[in-house]
């Protein structure tokens, strides 16, 4: 069912873009926006999940939390992760869907890339897959010469990011800011990026990708971040180097 929802959402996102993203409305700031497609996708996904799993909770980017029973798992939905890209016609955004235990531990993760026809999936303990084929984090032993993906906090850098980017540049590691948290994080799972980091973990766009990456063998620092906490995902053989840089930059700013 999750894959079917992802396929429906991907088509809705592509269709909405062909017709123009529609009116763009501001939420918390001029850099925090929403389109009709964001809302339509989330409404549809919520309706299906509520019908099929009436006792489970739902937490979505656009419509917030619907509580389930106290001992039930809950869904997390980001209908269009990378709305700014989407609204400006840049083909890098995603649909993200996850399922978590009451304590927030991930059970299922899915991230769909509408523009490349890619669906990343993972079920806890069963590995990670891309369009049904098993994927694994890169076997790189260093960050040098490889790709590091990150995201700004909308329009702003986050504490420690500039220092981290400077140290990565010293190591000839190429950093990229792409504009979709979920889609950037799953590139570590696919072995395309050696590492990826965000300054604030939000379950609606981060939890599914976190599970996919770790099921692909990536190392997460921390293993399960709290809401608003920085997150680093890195290929296992480069984890020692990346962890040292992380602690001396992002970690140092939080002491």
Protein backbone atom coordinates (compact mmCIF):
# COMPACT_ATOMS: atom_id res chain seq x y z
CA UNK A 1 0.00 0.00 0.00
CA UNK A 2 2.83 2.42 0.83
CA UNK A 3 4.37 1.98 -2.62
CA UNK A 4 0.98 2.50 -4.25
CA UNK A 5 0.56 5.75 -2.33
CA UNK A 6 4.04 6.82 -3.40
CA UNK A 7 3.26 6.14 -7.05
CA UNK A 8 0.02 8.12 -6.78
CA UNK A 9 1.84 11.00 -5.04
CA UNK A 10 4.63 11.05 -7.62
CA UNK A 11 2.12 11.36 -10.44
CA UNK A 12 0.24 14.11 -8.57
CA UNK A 13 3.49 16.03 -8.07
CA UNK A 14 4.49 15.68 -11.73
CA UNK A 15 0.99 16.61 -12.87
CA UNK A 16 0.85 19.63 -10.60
CA UNK A 17 4.18 20.84 -11.94
CA UNK A 18 3.11 20.46 -15.56
CA UNK A 19 0.19 22.73 -14.82
CA UNK A 20 2.33 25.11 -12.78
CA UNK A 21 2.67 24.72 -9.05
CA UNK A 22 -0.34 26.95 -8.53
CA UNK A 23 -0.63 29.64 -5.87
CA UNK A 24 2.29 29.77 -3.43
CA UNK A 25 1.32 30.70 0.09
CA UNK A 26 3.58 31.72 2.95
CA UNK A 27 3.56 29.81 6.23
CA UNK A 28 6.00 30.80 8.99
CA UNK A 29 8.23 33.00 6.80
CA UNK A 30 8.80 34.01 3.16
CA UNK A 31 11.19 31.03 2.92
CA UNK A 32 8.54 28.61 4.26
CA UNK A 33 5.89 28.08 1.60
CA UNK A 34 3.11 25.68 0.62
CA UNK A 35 1.34 24.92 -2.66
CA UNK A 36 -1.99 23.33 -3.56
CA UNK A 37 -0.12 20.15 -4.43
CA UNK A 38 1.39 19.83 -0.93
CA UNK A 39 -2.07 20.02 0.60
CA UNK A 40 -3.84 17.81 -1.95
CA UNK A 41 -1.28 15.02 -1.67
CA UNK A 42 -1.36 15.04 2.12
CA UNK A 43 -5.16 15.05 2.24
CA UNK A 44 -5.35 12.02 -0.03
CA UNK A 45 -2.67 10.07 1.82
CA UNK A 46 -4.24 10.87 5.19
CA UNK A 47 -7.64 9.72 3.98
CA UNK A 48 -6.27 6.37 2.78
CA UNK A 49 -4.26 5.78 5.94
CA UNK A 50 -7.15 6.74 8.19
CA UNK A 51 -9.48 4.38 6.34
CA UNK A 52 -7.05 1.43 6.39
CA UNK A 53 -5.57 1.98 9.87
CA UNK A 54 -8.19 3.88 11.90
CA UNK A 55 -6.45 3.40 15.27
CA UNK A 56 -3.01 4.60 14.16
CA UNK A 57 -1.80 8.17 14.51
CA UNK A 58 -0.73 10.47 11.69
CA UNK A 59 1.76 13.36 11.71
CA UNK A 60 1.94 15.38 8.51
CA UNK A 61 3.84 18.43 7.32
CA UNK A 62 0.76 20.41 6.34
CA UNK A 63 -2.03 19.25 8.67
CA UNK A 64 -0.22 18.30 11.84
CA UNK A 65 -0.97 15.50 14.27
CA UNK A 66 -3.99 13.21 14.47
CA UNK A 67 -3.64 11.11 17.59
CA UNK A 68 -4.12 7.35 17.47
CA UNK A 69 -4.53 4.94 20.34
CA UNK A 70 -1.80 5.15 22.95
CA UNK A 71 -0.05 1.89 22.04
CA UNK A 72 -0.41 2.20 18.26
CA UNK A 73 2.26 3.15 15.73
CA UNK A 74 1.94 6.40 13.84
CA UNK A 75 2.54 7.53 10.27
CA UNK A 76 4.72 10.48 9.26
CA UNK A 77 4.04 12.24 5.94
CA UNK A 78 5.81 14.93 3.97
CA UNK A 79 3.76 15.31 0.80
CA UNK A 80 6.30 17.46 -1.07
CA UNK A 81 9.68 17.64 0.63
CA UNK A 82 11.42 20.44 -1.20
CA UNK A 83 8.46 22.71 -1.86
CA UNK A 84 10.67 25.68 -2.77
CA UNK A 85 12.30 23.65 -5.53
CA UNK A 86 8.91 22.40 -6.66
CA UNK A 87 7.33 25.83 -6.74
CA UNK A 88 10.22 27.19 -8.81
CA UNK A 89 10.28 24.34 -11.33
CA UNK A 90 13.47 22.71 -10.03
CA UNK A 91 13.26 18.92 -10.37
CA UNK A 92 14.52 17.90 -6.95
CA UNK A 93 11.79 17.19 -4.42
CA UNK A 94 10.24 14.06 -2.96
CA UNK A 95 7.31 12.36 -1.30
CA UNK A 96 8.16 10.85 2.09
CA UNK A 97 6.17 8.36 4.16
CA UNK A 98 7.16 6.51 7.31
CA UNK A 99 5.76 4.42 10.13
CA UNK A 100 7.10 4.66 13.67
CA UNK A 101 6.54 3.00 17.02
CA UNK A 102 4.99 5.06 19.83
CA UNK A 103 8.52 5.93 21.06
CA UNK A 104 9.48 7.24 17.61
CA UNK A 105 11.60 4.28 16.47
CA UNK A 106 11.15 3.78 12.72
CA UNK A 107 9.45 0.68 11.36
CA UNK A 108 9.00 1.53 7.69
CA UNK A 109 10.40 4.21 5.41
CA UNK A 110 9.67 5.28 1.86
CA UNK A 111 11.03 8.19 -0.18
CA UNK A 112 9.85 8.70 -3.77
CA UNK A 113 11.61 10.84 -6.38
CA UNK A 114 8.90 11.81 -8.90
CA UNK A 115 11.36 13.11 -11.49
CA UNK A 116 13.62 10.06 -11.73
CA UNK A 117 11.03 7.38 -11.12
CA UNK A 118 12.87 6.15 -8.04
CA UNK A 119 11.26 4.77 -4.88
CA UNK A 120 13.53 4.08 -1.91
CA UNK A 121 12.08 1.72 0.70
CA UNK A 122 13.04 -0.01 3.91
CA UNK A 123 11.40 -2.15 6.56
CA UNK A 124 13.26 -2.45 9.83
CA UNK A 125 15.54 -5.46 9.81
CA UNK A 126 14.98 -6.24 6.12
CA UNK A 127 17.47 -3.99 4.36
CA UNK A 128 16.98 -1.07 1.99
CA UNK A 129 15.80 -1.15 -1.61
CA UNK A 130 15.59 1.12 -4.63
CA UNK A 131 12.79 0.15 -7.01
CA UNK A 132 12.86 -3.29 -5.43
CA UNK A 133 16.63 -3.85 -5.77
CA UNK A 134 18.80 -4.04 -2.67
CA UNK A 135 21.06 -1.03 -2.09
CA UNK A 136 24.03 -0.41 0.17
CA UNK A 137 25.99 2.57 1.43
CA UNK A 138 29.28 3.27 -0.34
CA UNK A 139 32.46 1.44 0.63
CA UNK A 140 34.47 4.67 0.63
CA UNK A 141 37.07 4.83 3.40
CA UNK A 142 37.39 8.63 3.38
CA UNK A 143 35.41 11.77 2.64
CA UNK A 144 38.22 13.07 0.40
CA UNK A 145 37.20 13.26 -3.23
CA UNK A 146 33.60 12.28 -2.56
CA UNK A 147 30.20 13.98 -2.10
CA UNK A 148 28.72 15.38 1.10
CA UNK A 149 25.07 16.50 0.96
CA UNK A 150 23.47 18.91 3.37
CA UNK A 151 20.48 21.22 3.66
CA UNK A 152 20.13 24.73 4.97
CA UNK A 153 17.39 25.54 7.46
CA UNK A 154 15.20 27.02 4.69
CA UNK A 155 17.15 30.21 3.88
CA UNK A 156 19.68 30.06 6.72
CA UNK A 157 22.79 28.16 7.71
CA UNK A 158 22.59 26.24 10.98
CA UNK A 159 25.07 26.35 13.89
CA UNK A 160 28.32 24.62 13.03
CA UNK A 161 27.58 24.23 9.32
CA UNK A 162 30.06 26.83 8.08
CA UNK A 163 32.88 25.35 10.15
CA UNK A 164 31.98 21.86 8.91
CA UNK A 165 31.95 22.97 5.27
CA UNK A 166 35.36 24.60 5.71
CA UNK A 167 36.85 21.38 7.08
CA UNK A 168 35.27 19.38 4.26
CA UNK A 169 36.78 21.79 1.72
CA UNK A 170 40.21 21.26 3.30
CA UNK A 171 39.74 17.55 2.55
CA UNK A 172 38.66 18.14 -1.07
CA UNK A 173 35.21 16.76 -0.26
CA UNK A 174 32.54 18.29 -2.49
CA UNK A 175 29.50 19.63 -0.64
CA UNK A 176 26.11 20.07 -2.26
CA UNK A 177 22.90 21.72 -1.01
CA UNK A 178 20.07 20.21 -3.06
CA UNK A 179 16.84 21.34 -1.39
CA UNK A 180 15.08 18.19 -0.14
CA UNK A 181 16.06 16.67 3.19
CA UNK A 182 14.57 13.24 2.50
CA UNK A 183 15.98 12.96 -1.00
CA UNK A 184 19.44 14.10 0.08
CA UNK A 185 19.61 11.66 2.98
CA UNK A 186 18.66 8.62 0.91
CA UNK A 187 21.54 9.30 -1.48
CA UNK A 188 23.78 7.92 1.27
CA UNK A 189 21.73 4.71 1.21
CA UNK A 190 22.24 4.44 -2.56
CA UNK A 191 26.01 4.93 -2.25
CA UNK A 192 25.91 8.15 -4.28
CA UNK A 193 26.91 10.43 -1.41
CA UNK A 194 29.43 9.34 1.20
CA UNK A 195 27.70 11.42 3.87
CA UNK A 196 24.77 13.76 4.43
CA UNK A 197 23.80 16.00 7.33
CA UNK A 198 20.95 18.20 8.49
CA UNK A 199 20.92 20.76 11.27
CA UNK A 200 17.47 19.89 12.65
CA UNK A 201 15.86 16.47 12.54
CA UNK A 202 12.11 16.50 11.87
CA UNK A 203 10.44 13.06 11.72
CA UNK A 204 8.05 13.97 8.90
CA UNK A 205 10.89 14.36 6.40
CA UNK A 206 13.82 12.73 8.20
CA UNK A 207 12.58 9.51 9.80
CA UNK A 208 11.84 7.50 6.63
CA UNK A 209 15.20 8.45 5.09
CA UNK A 210 17.00 7.68 8.36
CA UNK A 211 15.65 4.13 8.34
CA UNK A 212 16.44 3.62 4.66
CA UNK A 213 20.03 4.80 5.12
CA UNK A 214 20.73 2.74 8.22
CA UNK A 215 19.15 -0.36 6.68
CA UNK A 216 21.57 0.20 3.79
CA UNK A 217 24.46 0.08 6.26
CA UNK A 218 25.05 3.78 6.86
CA UNK A 219 26.03 4.99 10.32
CA UNK A 220 23.73 7.54 11.97
CA UNK A 221 25.01 10.05 14.54
CA UNK A 222 23.02 9.93 16.77
CA UNK A 223 21.31 6.62 16.09
CA UNK A 224 17.84 8.09 16.71
CA UNK A 225 17.92 11.88 16.99
CA UNK A 226 15.42 13.84 19.02
CA UNK A 227 13.23 16.43 17.33
CA UNK A 228 15.35 19.43 16.31
CA UNK A 229 18.68 17.66 16.86
CA UNK A 230 21.40 17.60 14.16
CA UNK A 231 21.82 14.34 12.22
CA UNK A 232 24.78 12.92 10.30
CA UNK A 233 24.53 9.88 8.02
CA UNK A 234 27.76 8.43 6.67
CA UNK A 235 29.12 5.38 4.87
CA UNK A 236 30.46 2.97 7.52
CA UNK A 237 34.13 2.99 6.52
CA UNK A 238 34.23 6.79 6.57
CA UNK A 239 32.35 7.11 9.86
CA UNK A 240 35.41 7.67 12.05
CA UNK A 241 36.65 10.58 9.94
CA UNK A 242 33.21 12.13 9.55
CA UNK A 243 32.42 11.70 13.23
CA UNK A 244 35.56 13.54 14.26
CA UNK A 245 34.70 16.48 11.98
CA UNK A 246 31.12 16.44 13.22
CA UNK A 247 32.08 16.54 16.89
CA UNK A 248 34.64 19.32 16.38
CA UNK A 249 32.23 21.58 14.48
CA UNK A 250 28.53 20.89 14.96
CA UNK A 251 29.04 19.15 18.30
CA UNK A 252 31.30 21.89 19.61
CA UNK A 253 28.65 24.53 18.92
CA UNK A 254 26.14 22.64 21.06
CA UNK A 255 28.30 22.32 24.17
